[in-house]
Every structure is written in structure tokens, then in C-alpha cells.
Protein backbone atom coordinates (compact mmCIF):
# COMPACT_ATOMS: atom_id res chain seq x y z
CA MET A 1 -1.48 14.11 6.15
CA THR A 2 -3.47 11.63 8.22
CA LYS A 3 -3.45 8.10 6.94
CA PRO A 4 -6.32 5.85 8.10
CA GLY A 5 -5.60 2.31 9.19
CA ALA A 6 -1.86 2.80 9.73
CA GLY A 7 -0.17 -0.52 10.20
CA PRO A 8 3.30 -1.93 10.62
CA GLU A 9 6.43 0.05 9.90
CA TRP A 10 9.10 -1.67 7.81
CA THR A 11 12.72 -0.63 7.28
CA PHE A 12 14.70 -1.53 4.17
CA ASP A 13 18.17 -0.19 3.40
CA GLY A 14 17.77 2.41 6.16
CA VAL A 15 14.50 3.77 4.72
CA SER A 16 11.23 3.52 6.70
CA TYR A 17 7.93 2.51 5.16
CA GLU A 18 4.43 2.16 6.57
CA VAL A 19 1.57 -0.05 5.39
CA VAL A 20 -1.83 1.63 5.41
CA ALA A 21 -5.17 -0.12 4.98
CA ALA A 22 -7.79 2.17 3.45
CA SER A 23 -11.24 1.94 1.99
CA ASP A 24 -12.26 4.26 -0.82
CA VAL A 25 -15.86 5.08 -1.61
CA ALA A 26 -15.43 8.67 -2.79
CA THR A 27 -13.72 8.20 -6.15
CA ARG A 28 -13.90 4.44 -6.54
CA ASP A 29 -15.55 1.63 -4.61
CA GLY A 30 -13.14 -0.70 -2.89
CA TYR A 31 -10.43 -1.43 -0.38
CA GLY A 32 -6.69 -1.35 -0.57
CA TYR A 33 -3.29 -1.42 1.02
CA GLU A 34 -0.92 1.46 0.48
CA LEU A 35 2.82 1.55 1.13
CA TRP A 36 4.12 4.93 2.25
CA GLU A 37 7.77 5.92 2.41
CA ILE A 38 7.91 7.92 5.62
CA GLY A 39 10.38 10.18 7.37
CA ALA A 40 11.80 13.61 6.59
CA SER A 41 12.77 12.67 3.03
CA GLY A 42 9.89 10.23 2.40
CA ARG A 43 8.32 10.13 -1.06
CA GLY A 44 4.80 9.52 0.23
CA MET A 45 2.78 6.65 -1.20
CA VAL A 46 4.94 4.42 -3.42
CA LEU A 47 2.82 1.26 -3.90
CA GLU A 48 -0.86 0.38 -3.86
CA ALA A 49 -2.79 -2.89 -3.99
CA PHE A 50 -6.51 -2.25 -4.57
CA TRP A 51 -9.62 -4.42 -4.66
CA ASP A 52 -12.37 -2.80 -6.76
CA ASP A 53 -15.80 -3.86 -5.50
CA THR A 54 -17.43 -2.83 -8.78
CA THR A 55 -15.18 -4.69 -11.22
CA ARG A 56 -13.99 -7.31 -8.71
CA LEU A 57 -10.41 -6.74 -9.94
CA PHE A 58 -7.40 -6.81 -7.63
CA THR A 59 -4.72 -4.49 -9.02
CA PHE A 60 -1.20 -3.39 -8.12
CA THR A 61 0.22 0.06 -8.88
CA ALA A 62 3.71 1.49 -8.41
CA LEU A 63 3.50 5.24 -7.83
CA THR A 64 7.20 6.00 -8.22
CA THR A 65 9.74 5.74 -10.99
CA GLU A 66 12.54 5.47 -8.43
CA PRO A 67 13.83 2.00 -7.60
CA LEU A 68 12.45 0.11 -4.61
CA PRO A 69 14.13 -2.87 -2.91
CA PHE A 70 12.81 -6.10 -4.43
CA ARG A 71 12.23 -7.69 -1.01
CA LEU A 72 10.15 -4.64 0.03
CA VAL A 73 7.87 -5.05 -3.00
CA GLU A 74 7.68 -8.79 -2.43
CA GLN A 75 6.76 -8.33 1.25
CA PHE A 76 4.13 -5.74 0.35
CA ILE A 77 2.52 -8.06 -2.22
CA GLU A 78 2.52 -10.95 0.27
CA SER A 79 0.91 -8.75 2.92
CA ALA A 80 -1.70 -7.35 0.51
CA SER A 81 -2.60 -10.79 -0.80
CA LYS A 82 -3.54 -11.82 2.76
CA GLY A 83 -5.54 -8.66 3.59
CA VAL A 84 -7.13 -7.48 0.36
CA PRO A 85 -10.00 -7.86 -0.23
CA PRO A 86 -10.94 -7.69 3.44
CA SER A 87 -12.43 -10.82 4.94
CA LYS A 88 -16.13 -10.70 5.53
């Protein structure tokens, strides 16, 4: 799967993650950051922060029921709060 806007790779507890910046106009209108667990045993996208241009809401979604390191989630939220919505 190709992920547009691939950004920094983070490692927590020996697991690699990648931040992806993506705009969505097909199913919803907005911009978001996604956190992907990568590698051979990666779970795919595990977190999303999304700015909806229509509702002007900034939301956070966890896409896994498996535990994630607290510092990973905290770092993702800090990063998303600086980049979403994108600066004009």
C-alpha cells in the first residue's frame, strides 16, 4: 500500500511507526495525520487525527483495540496539533 505524505519514523518498545500526512476529498473533505505501525508484523494504521473542512471539527480516532505506548500517543497528538489543519 502506498501512503502519501510519508513522514518521520518513530520507534517505541522496538516497534516502528510512521506518520503520514494525507488529504481526503473522496469520502470526506479534510486533512489528517495517520500513524501507521510498520514492519513485517505491523498492524497498519493505528491512530488518526483529522480536520474536517465541512464541519470544522478536529477529531482523534484510535483504530486498534490493542494497547499503544502512552508516550507514542502523546507524541502523535503533539505532532498532529502542530500540523493539522494545514497552515494556509
